[in-house]
C-alpha cells in the first residue's frame, strides 16, 4: 500500500477485539513513531511506552473513566502506546511532538491492517495518577502527552463520507 492510501484508510476505531497485534508489527510501529519529526530533534525529551499487560490496561481504562463504570476510554484495545515527555523549550511543543509520533504510528498501523484511535482521555487519566505513572516507568519530570490504542476492530464501522478534502482550504498566492 502506498502512503496516501494508508492515510486515507486510517480511521478511529472505538471498539476493539481481544486479538493482539504481532510483536513484529508492534516493533515496526514503535520505530515509525521514533522516526517522527520532533522539534529541534529533541528526542531525549520523549519516551514511548507500549502497554499490553491486561491488568495495567484495565487500571488505565478505569482511571481514565473517572468513576464512570459504563465508560471504557481505551475501547478495550489490547495495546496502548503512551507518549511521555518532559516540558520542551517552547511552550507545549511536546504536544505537537506527540501528535507527529502518534500519526506516524497510526498510518503504519493502517498500512498493516491494524486499527487505531488517538486517545485524549487516557492522557488525562494517566496524568491524574502518580501511581500509574510509576507503574508505567515514567522518569521524573515526565507526563503523558498523548496515546493511541492499537488492535483490530471488533466490528465494521461506517466510514466517514468523502474521499477527497474534508477541510476547508484556502490557498493564498
Protein backbone atom coordinates (compact mmCIF):
# COMPACT_ATOMS: atom_id res chain seq x y z
CA UNK A 1 0.00 0.00 0.00
CA UNK A 2 1.33 3.46 -0.72
CA UNK A 3 1.45 6.15 1.94
CA UNK A 4 -1.51 8.14 0.62
CA UNK A 5 -3.69 5.02 0.58
CA UNK A 6 -2.69 4.26 4.20
CA UNK A 7 -3.57 7.81 5.22
CA UNK A 8 -6.99 7.53 3.56
CA UNK A 9 -7.56 4.08 5.11
CA UNK A 10 -6.79 5.16 8.70
CA UNK A 11 -9.83 5.91 10.83
CA UNK A 12 -10.69 5.99 14.52
CA UNK A 13 -11.75 2.62 15.91
CA UNK A 14 -13.82 2.70 19.08
CA UNK A 15 -14.41 -1.00 19.77
CA UNK A 16 -11.53 -3.47 19.66
CA UNK A 17 -11.45 -7.26 19.70
CA UNK A 18 -9.09 -9.02 22.10
CA UNK A 19 -6.82 -10.12 19.21
CA UNK A 20 -3.32 -8.83 19.88
CA UNK A 21 -1.07 -7.29 17.23
CA UNK A 22 2.12 -9.19 16.38
CA UNK A 23 5.44 -8.42 18.05
CA UNK A 24 6.94 -7.55 14.63
CA UNK A 25 4.14 -5.07 13.90
CA UNK A 26 4.45 -3.54 17.38
CA UNK A 27 8.19 -3.05 16.97
CA UNK A 28 7.79 -1.52 13.49
CA UNK A 29 5.03 0.80 14.71
CA UNK A 30 7.24 1.99 17.58
CA UNK A 31 10.09 2.64 15.13
CA UNK A 32 7.68 4.63 12.94
CA UNK A 33 6.86 6.75 15.98
CA UNK A 34 10.55 7.29 16.63
CA UNK A 35 11.03 8.50 13.06
CA UNK A 36 8.59 11.40 13.55
CA UNK A 37 9.64 14.98 13.08
CA UNK A 38 10.44 16.29 16.57
CA UNK A 39 11.01 19.96 17.41
CA UNK A 40 14.76 20.67 17.15
CA UNK A 41 15.32 16.89 17.12
CA UNK A 42 14.94 16.84 20.92
CA UNK A 43 14.34 13.08 21.00
CA UNK A 44 15.79 12.83 24.52
CA UNK A 45 12.74 14.69 25.88
CA UNK A 46 10.34 11.91 24.78
CA UNK A 47 9.74 8.25 25.57
CA UNK A 48 7.30 5.64 24.29
CA UNK A 49 5.64 3.03 26.49
CA UNK A 50 3.80 0.12 24.87
CA UNK A 51 1.29 -1.41 27.27
CA UNK A 52 -0.09 -4.89 26.62
CA UNK A 53 -0.48 -6.10 30.22
CA UNK A 54 -4.27 -6.64 30.64
CA UNK A 55 -4.25 -5.64 34.33
CA UNK A 56 -2.40 -2.39 33.64
CA UNK A 57 -4.65 -1.62 30.64
CA UNK A 58 -7.69 -2.17 32.88
CA UNK A 59 -6.28 0.17 35.52
CA UNK A 60 -5.56 2.89 32.94
CA UNK A 61 -9.07 2.43 31.50
CA UNK A 62 -10.75 2.67 34.91
CA UNK A 63 -8.68 5.68 35.98
CA UNK A 64 -9.38 7.43 32.69
CA UNK A 65 -13.12 6.74 33.02
CA UNK A 66 -13.13 8.88 36.18
CA UNK A 67 -15.55 6.69 38.11
CA UNK A 68 -17.99 6.06 35.26
CA UNK A 69 -18.24 2.23 35.15
CA UNK A 70 -20.02 2.29 31.77
CA UNK A 71 -17.20 4.22 30.12
CA UNK A 72 -14.21 2.50 28.54
CA UNK A 73 -11.90 5.21 27.19
CA UNK A 74 -9.42 2.61 25.86
CA UNK A 75 -12.21 0.90 23.92
CA UNK A 76 -10.83 -2.43 25.19
CA UNK A 77 -7.83 -2.22 22.87
CA UNK A 78 -5.16 -4.89 23.51
CA UNK A 79 -2.29 -2.42 23.01
CA UNK A 80 -1.87 1.14 24.22
CA UNK A 81 1.11 3.25 23.23
CA UNK A 82 1.77 6.13 25.60
CA UNK A 83 3.96 9.10 24.70
CA UNK A 84 5.64 10.68 27.72
CA UNK A 85 7.64 13.89 27.65
CA UNK A 86 9.26 16.47 29.81
CA UNK A 87 8.47 20.12 29.20
CA UNK A 88 10.03 21.36 25.99
CA UNK A 89 11.97 24.50 25.29
CA UNK A 90 8.89 26.00 23.57
CA UNK A 91 5.51 26.12 25.29
CA UNK A 92 3.50 22.94 24.51
CA UNK A 93 5.90 21.69 21.83
CA UNK A 94 5.71 18.27 23.49
CA UNK A 95 2.04 18.07 22.44
CA UNK A 96 2.95 18.75 18.80
CA UNK A 97 5.73 16.20 19.01
CA UNK A 98 3.30 13.61 20.38
CA UNK A 99 0.87 14.33 17.55
CA UNK A 100 3.60 13.70 14.96
CA UNK A 101 4.70 10.49 16.70
CA UNK A 102 1.17 9.13 17.03
CA UNK A 103 0.21 9.99 13.45
CA UNK A 104 3.26 8.12 12.13
CA UNK A 105 2.34 5.09 14.21
CA UNK A 106 -1.33 5.11 13.19
CA UNK A 107 -0.54 5.46 9.46
CA UNK A 108 1.86 2.50 9.58
CA UNK A 109 -0.74 0.55 11.57
CA UNK A 110 -3.33 1.25 8.85
CA UNK A 111 -0.83 0.07 6.24
CA UNK A 112 -0.52 -3.22 8.17
CA UNK A 113 -4.29 -3.66 8.54
CA UNK A 114 -4.20 -2.68 12.23
CA UNK A 115 -6.87 -0.37 13.60
CA UNK A 116 -6.16 2.56 15.90
CA UNK A 117 -7.55 5.57 17.71
CA UNK A 118 -5.87 8.66 19.19
CA UNK A 119 -6.83 8.80 22.87
CA UNK A 120 -7.06 12.04 24.82
CA UNK A 121 -8.86 10.69 27.91
CA UNK A 122 -6.10 8.17 28.57
CA UNK A 123 -3.66 11.05 28.80
CA UNK A 124 -5.85 12.77 31.39
CA UNK A 125 -6.24 9.53 33.36
CA UNK A 126 -2.52 8.75 33.40
CA UNK A 127 -1.64 12.32 34.36
CA UNK A 128 -4.11 12.23 37.25
CA UNK A 129 -2.35 9.26 38.86
CA UNK A 130 1.23 9.34 40.12
CA UNK A 131 0.81 5.61 40.83
CA UNK A 132 0.03 4.87 37.16
CA UNK A 133 2.95 6.99 36.02
CA UNK A 134 5.20 4.99 38.36
CA UNK A 135 3.83 1.65 37.10
CA UNK A 136 4.45 2.79 33.52
CA UNK A 137 8.02 3.74 34.43
CA UNK A 138 7.89 7.46 33.68
CA UNK A 139 11.13 9.24 34.54
CA UNK A 140 10.97 12.14 36.99
CA UNK A 141 9.50 15.25 35.35
CA UNK A 142 7.73 13.39 32.52
CA UNK A 143 3.99 13.44 31.86
CA UNK A 144 1.76 11.74 29.34
CA UNK A 145 1.38 13.97 26.27
CA UNK A 146 -0.61 11.58 24.09
CA UNK A 147 -1.55 7.98 23.46
CA UNK A 148 -3.06 5.71 20.87
CA UNK A 149 -4.79 2.37 21.03
CA UNK A 150 -3.88 -0.37 18.55
CA UNK A 151 -5.61 -3.62 17.68
CA UNK A 152 -8.32 -4.99 15.44
CA UNK A 153 -11.86 -3.66 15.21
CA UNK A 154 -14.50 -5.71 16.97
CA UNK A 155 -16.95 -4.88 14.20
CA UNK A 156 -17.07 -2.88 10.99
CA UNK A 157 -17.92 0.78 11.48
CA UNK A 158 -19.33 3.18 8.92
CA UNK A 159 -16.60 5.13 7.17
CA UNK A 160 -16.60 8.91 7.08
CA UNK A 161 -18.11 10.36 3.94
CA UNK A 162 -15.87 11.91 1.35
CA UNK A 163 -12.72 10.51 -0.16
CA UNK A 164 -11.26 13.91 -1.00
CA UNK A 165 -10.51 17.00 1.02
CA UNK A 166 -12.61 17.16 4.20
CA UNK A 167 -11.37 20.51 5.40
CA UNK A 168 -11.97 23.98 4.05
CA UNK A 169 -8.78 25.01 2.30
CA UNK A 170 -7.65 28.44 1.19
CA UNK A 171 -4.57 28.79 -0.98
CA UNK A 172 -3.04 32.22 -0.82
CA UNK A 173 -0.84 33.12 -3.76
